[in-house]
Amino acid sequence: MTHDDQLSDVLAPARVIFFDFDGPVCDVFAGLPAPQVAKLLTALLSAGDQVAGAKAAETDDPIEVLRLAHEANAELGQRVEHALTAAEVEAVAVAGPPTPGAEEALRAAVSSGRAVAVVSNNSAECVQHFLVAHGLGEYVAKIVGRPSGQPHLMKPNPFPLITAAEQMHMDVTNCTLIGDSLTDVQAAHAAGTTVIAYANKPHKADLFAEAQADAITEDMYAIADALTTA
């Protein structure tokens, strides 16, 4: 499904490459499953607000539980957020190696004269821990993680991408995002950056085509190759 010419066309003008973390760089919950983390957060939320806890019990996405907690009230939101950050740091320690091709793509971005930022709905702490543990820190200039206490500013909101571009002193339109979810595509469109959708599950390619991603690939190695030649 990789259209290599498309990848090169999208990457050629990009001065800064934004990598989403969970998917393109690391399978965050590979060792500590997301439903398990969601359950832990839901129990914490239920203790403070049974109604919100009942809603949270219907999802197995920890980020969704966080949103519900903040909707319930700010203090509960902070409590659940701290617990989620701790769980993410624990999760990346047992997540295994980086996504195949991720290290090559990061290295290719930097050696082609581009700069890299990781822009994630996960905590900056867990990203930092993972990059350091796997010797990838030198390739990443900035990490923009989940905005604390403000889940409404997470992707699909363009805020993290705009923030990353500002921190890199780069016009956001000279950046491209590599992401593996619809929220990444939506955030990129809203920010005015191009987006390469990483279809790491079979059903995603059609979703991304429908959402009008600028390029779609099933392989991070293809991105590394395109960065080398673009």
C-alpha atoms as a PDB file:
ATOM      1  CA  MET A   1       0.000   0.000   0.000  1.00  0.00           C
ATOM      2  CA  THR A   2       3.082   2.249   0.222  1.00  0.00           C
ATOM      3  CA  HIS A   3       3.227   4.823  -2.534  1.00  0.00           C
ATOM      4  CA  ASP A   4       6.902   5.685  -2.357  1.00  0.00           C
ATOM      5  CA  ASP A   5       6.656   8.596  -4.803  1.00  0.00           C
ATOM      6  CA  GLN A   6       3.933  10.076  -2.584  1.00  0.00           C
ATOM      7  CA  LEU A   7       6.166   9.757   0.471  1.00  0.00           C
ATOM      8  CA  SER A   8       9.018  11.575  -1.280  1.00  0.00           C
ATOM      9  CA  ASP A   9       6.684  14.320  -2.527  1.00  0.00           C
ATOM     10  CA  VAL A  10       5.401  14.953   0.988  1.00  0.00           C
ATOM     11  CA  LEU A  11       8.805  14.756   2.675  1.00  0.00           C
ATOM     12  CA  ALA A  12      10.843  16.773   0.162  1.00  0.00           C
ATOM     13  CA  PRO A  13       9.686  20.254   1.280  1.00  0.00           C
ATOM     14  CA  ALA A  14       9.457  19.383   5.008  1.00  0.00           C
ATOM     15  CA  ARG A  15      12.142  20.965   7.209  1.00  0.00           C
ATOM     16  CA  VAL A  16      10.846  19.476  10.445  1.00  0.00           C
ATOM     17  CA  ILE A  17       9.404  15.987  10.888  1.00  0.00           C
ATOM     18  CA  PHE A  18       6.920  15.415  13.706  1.00  0.00           C
ATOM     19  CA  PHE A  19       6.679  11.801  14.864  1.00  0.00           C
ATOM     20  CA  ASP A  20       3.652  10.655  16.799  1.00  0.00           C
ATOM     21  CA  PHE A  21       4.973   8.366  19.562  1.00  0.00           C
ATOM     22  CA  ASP A  22       2.557   5.479  20.140  1.00  0.00           C
ATOM     23  CA  GLY A  23       2.705   3.505  16.882  1.00  0.00           C
ATOM     24  CA  PRO A  24       5.376   5.141  14.725  1.00  0.00           C
ATOM     25  CA  VAL A  25       8.088   5.001  17.420  1.00  0.00           C
ATOM     26  CA  CYS A  26       6.922   2.628  20.148  1.00  0.00           C
ATOM     27  CA  ASP A  27       4.076   0.211  20.817  1.00  0.00           C
ATOM     28  CA  VAL A  28       3.453   1.829  24.199  1.00  0.00           C
ATOM     29  CA  PHE A  29       1.121  -0.757  25.721  1.00  0.00           C
ATOM     30  CA  ALA A  30       2.678  -3.896  24.210  1.00  0.00           C
ATOM     31  CA  GLY A  31       3.901  -5.158  27.581  1.00  0.00           C
ATOM     32  CA  LEU A  32       1.372  -3.543  29.896  1.00  0.00           C
ATOM     33  CA  PRO A  33      -1.927  -3.708  27.967  1.00  0.00           C
ATOM     34  CA  ALA A  34      -4.003  -0.532  27.539  1.00  0.00           C
ATOM     35  CA  PRO A  35      -7.253  -2.171  28.811  1.00  0.00           C
ATOM     36  CA  GLN A  36      -5.434  -3.050  32.051  1.00  0.00           C
ATOM     37  CA  VAL A  37      -4.304   0.569  32.481  1.00  0.00           C
ATOM     38  CA  ALA A  38      -7.805   1.832  31.616  1.00  0.00           C
ATOM     39  CA  LYS A  39      -9.271  -0.446  34.282  1.00  0.00           C
ATOM     40  CA  LEU A  40      -6.845   0.869  36.907  1.00  0.00           C
ATOM     41  CA  LEU A  41      -7.686   4.496  36.012  1.00  0.00           C
ATOM     42  CA  THR A  42     -11.428   3.731  35.970  1.00  0.00           C
ATOM     43  CA  ALA A  43     -11.228   2.325  39.514  1.00  0.00           C
ATOM     44  CA  LEU A  44      -9.497   5.528  40.637  1.00  0.00           C
ATOM     45  CA  LEU A  45     -12.130   7.651  38.887  1.00  0.00           C
ATOM     46  CA  SER A  46     -15.050   5.599  40.268  1.00  0.00           C
ATOM     47  CA  ALA A  47     -13.815   6.137  43.828  1.00  0.00           C
ATOM     48  CA  GLY A  48     -14.240   9.883  43.301  1.00  0.00           C
ATOM     49  CA  ASP A  49     -17.222   9.969  40.946  1.00  0.00           C
ATOM     50  CA  GLN A  50     -19.379   6.908  40.354  1.00  0.00           C
ATOM     51  CA  VAL A  51     -21.219   8.347  37.345  1.00  0.00           C
ATOM     52  CA  ALA A  52     -17.996   9.236  35.521  1.00  0.00           C
ATOM     53  CA  GLY A  53     -16.573   5.855  36.568  1.00  0.00           C
ATOM     54  CA  ALA A  54     -19.523   4.040  35.005  1.00  0.00           C
ATOM     55  CA  LYS A  55     -18.949   5.912  31.713  1.00  0.00           C
ATOM     56  CA  ALA A  56     -15.231   5.142  31.835  1.00  0.00           C
ATOM     57  CA  ALA A  57     -15.960   1.429  32.334  1.00  0.00           C
ATOM     58  CA  GLU A  58     -17.289   1.359  28.759  1.00  0.00           C
ATOM     59  CA  THR A  59     -13.891   2.143  27.184  1.00  0.00           C
ATOM     60  CA  ASP A  60     -10.552   0.356  27.217  1.00  0.00           C
ATOM     61  CA  ASP A  61      -8.651   3.464  26.093  1.00  0.00           C
ATOM     62  CA  PRO A  62      -6.703   5.102  28.958  1.00  0.00           C
ATOM     63  CA  ILE A  63      -6.689   8.500  27.188  1.00  0.00           C
ATOM     64  CA  GLU A  64     -10.505   8.383  26.963  1.00  0.00           C
ATOM     65  CA  VAL A  65     -10.712   7.648  30.722  1.00  0.00           C
ATOM     66  CA  LEU A  66      -8.507  10.703  31.279  1.00  0.00           C
ATOM     67  CA  ARG A  67     -10.856  12.893  29.217  1.00  0.00           C
ATOM     68  CA  LEU A  68     -13.844  11.663  31.229  1.00  0.00           C
ATOM     69  CA  ALA A  69     -12.026  12.307  34.513  1.00  0.00           C
ATOM     70  CA  HIS A  70     -11.263  15.908  33.545  1.00  0.00           C
ATOM     71  CA  GLU A  71     -14.881  16.383  32.462  1.00  0.00           C
ATOM     72  CA  ALA A  72     -15.996  15.193  35.908  1.00  0.00           C
ATOM     73  CA  ASN A  73     -13.762  17.664  37.758  1.00  0.00           C
ATOM     74  CA  ALA A  74     -10.269  19.155  37.602  1.00  0.00           C
ATOM     75  CA  GLU A  75      -8.932  17.579  40.792  1.00  0.00           C
ATOM     76  CA  LEU A  76     -10.041  14.080  39.765  1.00  0.00           C
ATOM     77  CA  GLY A  77      -8.597  14.776  36.335  1.00  0.00           C
ATOM     78  CA  GLN A  78      -5.199  15.589  37.837  1.00  0.00           C
ATOM     79  CA  ARG A  79      -5.284  12.466  40.006  1.00  0.00           C
ATOM     80  CA  VAL A  80      -6.094  10.227  37.029  1.00  0.00           C
ATOM     81  CA  GLU A  81      -3.494  12.034  34.911  1.00  0.00           C
ATOM     82  CA  HIS A  82      -0.720  11.385  37.446  1.00  0.00           C
ATOM     83  CA  ALA A  83      -1.708   7.717  37.551  1.00  0.00           C
ATOM     84  CA  LEU A  84      -1.756   7.518  33.736  1.00  0.00           C
ATOM     85  CA  THR A  85       1.684   9.118  33.432  1.00  0.00           C
ATOM     86  CA  ALA A  86       3.094   6.663  35.989  1.00  0.00           C
ATOM     87  CA  ALA A  87       1.481   3.752  34.098  1.00  0.00           C
ATOM     88  CA  GLU A  88       2.889   5.002  30.760  1.00  0.00           C
ATOM     89  CA  VAL A  89       6.413   5.232  32.179  1.00  0.00           C
ATOM     90  CA  GLU A  90       5.998   1.688  33.512  1.00  0.00           C
ATOM     91  CA  ALA A  91       4.561   0.550  30.152  1.00  0.00           C
ATOM     92  CA  VAL A  92       7.382   1.874  27.964  1.00  0.00           C
ATOM     93  CA  ALA A  93       9.902   0.101  30.195  1.00  0.00           C
ATOM     94  CA  VAL A  94       8.340  -3.233  29.168  1.00  0.00           C
ATOM     95  CA  ALA A  95       7.187  -2.257  25.662  1.00  0.00           C
ATOM     96  CA  GLY A  96      10.115  -3.951  23.910  1.00  0.00           C
ATOM     97  CA  PRO A  97      12.193  -2.423  21.117  1.00  0.00           C
ATOM     98  CA  PRO A  98      11.187   0.557  18.959  1.00  0.00           C
ATOM     99  CA  THR A  99       8.752   0.050  16.061  1.00  0.00           C
ATOM    100  CA  PRO A 100      10.632  -1.652  13.175  1.00  0.00           C
ATOM    101  CA  GLY A 101      12.060   1.094  10.990  1.00  0.00           C
ATOM    102  CA  ALA A 102      11.508   3.859  13.586  1.00  0.00           C
ATOM    103  CA  GLU A 103      15.167   4.216  14.521  1.00  0.00           C
ATOM    104  CA  GLU A 104      16.130   4.238  10.832  1.00  0.00           C
ATOM    105  CA  ALA A 105      13.492   6.891  10.078  1.00  0.00           C
ATOM    106  CA  LEU A 106      14.639   9.107  12.960  1.00  0.00           C
ATOM    107  CA  ARG A 107      18.261   8.757  11.899  1.00  0.00           C
ATOM    108  CA  ALA A 108      17.436   9.419   8.233  1.00  0.00           C
ATOM    109  CA  ALA A 109      15.480  12.559   9.135  1.00  0.00           C
ATOM    110  CA  VAL A 110      18.421  14.015  11.042  1.00  0.00           C
ATOM    111  CA  SER A 111      21.107  12.974   8.556  1.00  0.00           C
ATOM    112  CA  SER A 112      19.068  14.552   5.748  1.00  0.00           C
ATOM    113  CA  GLY A 113      19.395  17.905   7.539  1.00  0.00           C
ATOM    114  CA  ARG A 114      15.884  17.942   9.003  1.00  0.00           C
ATOM    115  CA  ALA A 115      14.934  18.341  12.638  1.00  0.00           C
ATOM    116  CA  VAL A 116      12.690  15.972  14.588  1.00  0.00           C
ATOM    117  CA  ALA A 117      10.080  16.545  17.278  1.00  0.00           C
ATOM    118  CA  VAL A 118       7.949  13.885  18.948  1.00  0.00           C
ATOM    119  CA  VAL A 119       4.367  15.120  19.321  1.00  0.00           C
ATOM    120  CA  SER A 120       2.202  12.819  21.408  1.00  0.00           C
ATOM    121  CA  ASN A 121      -0.987  12.451  23.450  1.00  0.00           C
ATOM    122  CA  ASN A 122       1.155  10.346  25.780  1.00  0.00           C
ATOM    123  CA  SER A 123       3.148  12.037  28.533  1.00  0.00           C
ATOM    124  CA  ALA A 124       6.454  13.688  27.656  1.00  0.00           C
ATOM    125  CA  GLU A 125       7.918  11.693  30.577  1.00  0.00           C
ATOM    126  CA  CYS A 126       7.236   8.311  29.004  1.00  0.00           C
ATOM    127  CA  VAL A 127       8.560   9.479  25.626  1.00  0.00           C
ATOM    128  CA  GLN A 128      11.746  10.749  27.279  1.00  0.00           C
ATOM    129  CA  HIS A 129      12.230   7.482  29.225  1.00  0.00           C
ATOM    130  CA  PHE A 130      11.821   5.387  26.076  1.00  0.00           C
ATOM    131  CA  LEU A 131      14.107   7.483  23.870  1.00  0.00           C
ATOM    132  CA  VAL A 132      16.869   7.466  26.492  1.00  0.00           C
ATOM    133  CA  ALA A 133      16.503   3.731  27.182  1.00  0.00           C
ATOM    134  CA  HIS A 134      16.894   2.928  23.475  1.00  0.00           C
ATOM    135  CA  GLY A 135      19.611   5.459  22.664  1.00  0.00           C
ATOM    136  CA  LEU A 136      17.340   7.565  20.435  1.00  0.00           C
ATOM    137  CA  GLY A 137      17.476  10.814  22.413  1.00  0.00           C
ATOM    138  CA  GLU A 138      20.138  12.382  20.176  1.00  0.00           C
ATOM    139  CA  TYR A 139      17.792  12.333  17.156  1.00  0.00           C
ATOM    140  CA  VAL A 140      14.918  14.198  18.820  1.00  0.00           C
ATOM    141  CA  ALA A 141      15.187  17.969  19.320  1.00  0.00           C
ATOM    142  CA  LYS A 142      11.868  18.480  21.145  1.00  0.00           C
ATOM    143  CA  ILE A 143       9.184  16.421  22.856  1.00  0.00           C
ATOM    144  CA  VAL A 144       5.675  17.874  23.048  1.00  0.00           C
ATOM    145  CA  GLY A 145       3.623  15.542  25.203  1.00  0.00           C
ATOM    146  CA  ARG A 146       0.110  15.652  26.596  1.00  0.00           C
ATOM    147  CA  PRO A 147      -0.733  19.176  27.818  1.00  0.00           C
ATOM    148  CA  SER A 148      -1.174  18.725  31.560  1.00  0.00           C
ATOM    149  CA  GLY A 149      -4.663  19.372  32.886  1.00  0.00           C
ATOM    150  CA  GLN A 150      -5.982  20.254  29.420  1.00  0.00           C
ATOM    151  CA  PRO A 151      -7.025  17.089  27.586  1.00  0.00           C
ATOM    152  CA  HIS A 152      -9.128  19.174  25.167  1.00  0.00           C
ATOM    153  CA  LEU A 153      -5.819  20.422  23.706  1.00  0.00           C
ATOM    154  CA  MET A 154      -4.621  16.926  22.766  1.00  0.00           C
ATOM    155  CA  LYS A 155      -4.722  15.829  19.121  1.00  0.00           C
ATOM    156  CA  PRO A 156      -7.078  16.079  17.105  1.00  0.00           C
ATOM    157  CA  ASN A 157      -6.659  19.660  18.384  1.00  0.00           C
ATOM    158  CA  PRO A 158      -3.825  21.254  16.342  1.00  0.00           C
ATOM    159  CA  PHE A 159      -2.381  22.804  19.533  1.00  0.00           C
ATOM    160  CA  PRO A 160       0.466  20.251  20.031  1.00  0.00           C
ATOM    161  CA  LEU A 161       1.636  20.627  16.415  1.00  0.00           C
ATOM    162  CA  ILE A 162       1.505  24.422  16.539  1.00  0.00           C
ATOM    163  CA  THR A 163       3.374  24.349  19.870  1.00  0.00           C
ATOM    164  CA  ALA A 164       6.053  22.032  18.455  1.00  0.00           C
ATOM    165  CA  ALA A 165       6.518  24.240  15.377  1.00  0.00           C
ATOM    166  CA  GLU A 166       6.891  27.329  17.593  1.00  0.00           C
ATOM    167  CA  GLN A 167       9.454  25.560  19.781  1.00  0.00           C
ATOM    168  CA  MET A 168      11.396  24.575  16.653  1.00  0.00           C
ATOM    169  CA  HIS A 169      11.184  28.165  15.284  1.00  0.00           C
ATOM    170  CA  MET A 170       9.593  26.798  12.137  1.00  0.00           C
ATOM    171  CA  ASP A 171       6.447  27.748  10.252  1.00  0.00           C
ATOM    172  CA  VAL A 172       4.001  24.901  10.840  1.00  0.00           C
ATOM    173  CA  THR A 173       3.407  24.597   7.074  1.00  0.00           C
ATOM    174  CA  ASN A 174       7.065  23.519   6.651  1.00  0.00           C
ATOM    175  CA  CYS A 175       6.504  20.514   8.886  1.00  0.00           C
ATOM    176  CA  THR A 176       5.033  17.079   8.280  1.00  0.00           C
ATOM    177  CA  LEU A 177       3.525  14.671  10.811  1.00  0.00           C
ATOM    178  CA  ILE A 178       3.903  10.888  10.811  1.00  0.00           C
ATOM    179  CA  GLY A 179       1.000   9.407  12.766  1.00  0.00           C
ATOM    180  CA  ASP A 180      -1.018   6.200  13.003  1.00  0.00           C
ATOM    181  CA  SER A 181      -4.469   7.444  14.002  1.00  0.00           C
ATOM    182  CA  LEU A 182      -7.313   9.521  12.600  1.00  0.00           C
ATOM    183  CA  THR A 183      -6.694  12.110  15.324  1.00  0.00           C
ATOM    184  CA  ASP A 184      -3.207  12.636  13.827  1.00  0.00           C
ATOM    185  CA  VAL A 185      -4.645  13.240  10.358  1.00  0.00           C
ATOM    186  CA  GLN A 186      -7.271  15.623  11.774  1.00  0.00           C
ATOM    187  CA  ALA A 187      -4.715  17.543  13.862  1.00  0.00           C
ATOM    188  CA  ALA A 188      -2.386  17.914  10.870  1.00  0.00           C
ATOM    189  CA  HIS A 189      -5.187  19.170   8.611  1.00  0.00           C
ATOM    190  CA  ALA A 190      -6.266  21.656  11.278  1.00  0.00           C
ATOM    191  CA  ALA A 191      -2.700  22.899  11.818  1.00  0.00           C
ATOM    192  CA  GLY A 192      -1.900  23.189   8.123  1.00  0.00           C
ATOM    193  CA  THR A 193       0.860  20.564   8.067  1.00  0.00           C
ATOM    194  CA  THR A 194       1.069  17.615   5.709  1.00  0.00           C
ATOM    195  CA  VAL A 195       0.559  14.168   7.198  1.00  0.00           C
ATOM    196  CA  ILE A 196       1.922  10.728   6.439  1.00  0.00           C
ATOM    197  CA  ALA A 197      -0.422   8.103   7.852  1.00  0.00           C
ATOM    198  CA  TYR A 198       1.263   4.948   9.143  1.00  0.00           C
ATOM    199  CA  ALA A 199      -1.259   2.147   8.594  1.00  0.00           C
ATOM    200  CA  ASN A 200       0.047  -0.387  11.111  1.00  0.00           C
ATOM    201  CA  LYS A 201      -3.225  -2.344  11.049  1.00  0.00           C
ATOM    202  CA  PRO A 202      -4.948  -3.603   7.879  1.00  0.00           C
ATOM    203  CA  HIS A 203      -8.203  -1.637   8.271  1.00  0.00           C
ATOM    204  CA  LYS A 204      -6.413   1.697   8.719  1.00  0.00           C
ATOM    205  CA  ALA A 205      -5.330   2.302   5.101  1.00  0.00           C
ATOM    206  CA  ASP A 206      -8.924   2.828   3.920  1.00  0.00           C
ATOM    207  CA  LEU A 207      -9.699   5.073   6.908  1.00  0.00           C
ATOM    208  CA  PHE A 208      -6.675   7.222   6.157  1.00  0.00           C
ATOM    209  CA  ALA A 209      -7.465   7.426   2.432  1.00  0.00           C
ATOM    210  CA  GLU A 210     -10.971   8.581   3.294  1.00  0.00           C
ATOM    211  CA  ALA A 211      -9.571  11.166   5.729  1.00  0.00           C
ATOM    212  CA  GLN A 212      -7.323  12.439   2.932  1.00  0.00           C
ATOM    213  CA  ALA A 213      -3.900  11.813   4.427  1.00  0.00           C
ATOM    214  CA  ASP A 214      -1.204  13.180   2.113  1.00  0.00           C
ATOM    215  CA  ALA A 215       0.544   9.812   1.957  1.00  0.00           C
ATOM    216  CA  ILE A 216      -0.061   6.369   3.458  1.00  0.00           C
ATOM    217  CA  THR A 217       2.494   3.699   4.273  1.00  0.00           C
ATOM    218  CA  GLU A 218       2.468   0.378   6.112  1.00  0.00           C
ATOM    219  CA  ASP A 219       6.195   0.464   6.760  1.00  0.00           C
ATOM    220  CA  MET A 220       8.387   2.855   8.744  1.00  0.00           C
ATOM    221  CA  TYR A 221      11.384   1.622   6.723  1.00  0.00           C
ATOM    222  CA  ALA A 222       9.733   3.153   3.618  1.00  0.00           C
ATOM    223  CA  ILE A 223       9.746   6.514   5.415  1.00  0.00           C
ATOM    224  CA  ALA A 224      13.437   6.089   6.235  1.00  0.00           C
ATOM    225  CA  ASP A 225      14.175   5.343   2.552  1.00  0.00           C
ATOM    226  CA  ALA A 226      12.105   8.287   1.346  1.00  0.00           C
ATOM    227  CA  LEU A 227      13.844  10.646   3.809  1.00  0.00           C
ATOM    228  CA  THR A 228      17.196   9.499   2.504  1.00  0.00           C
ATOM    229  CA  THR A 229      16.266  10.226  -1.111  1.00  0.00           C
ATOM    230  CA  ALA A 230      13.762  13.119  -0.761  1.00  0.00           C
END
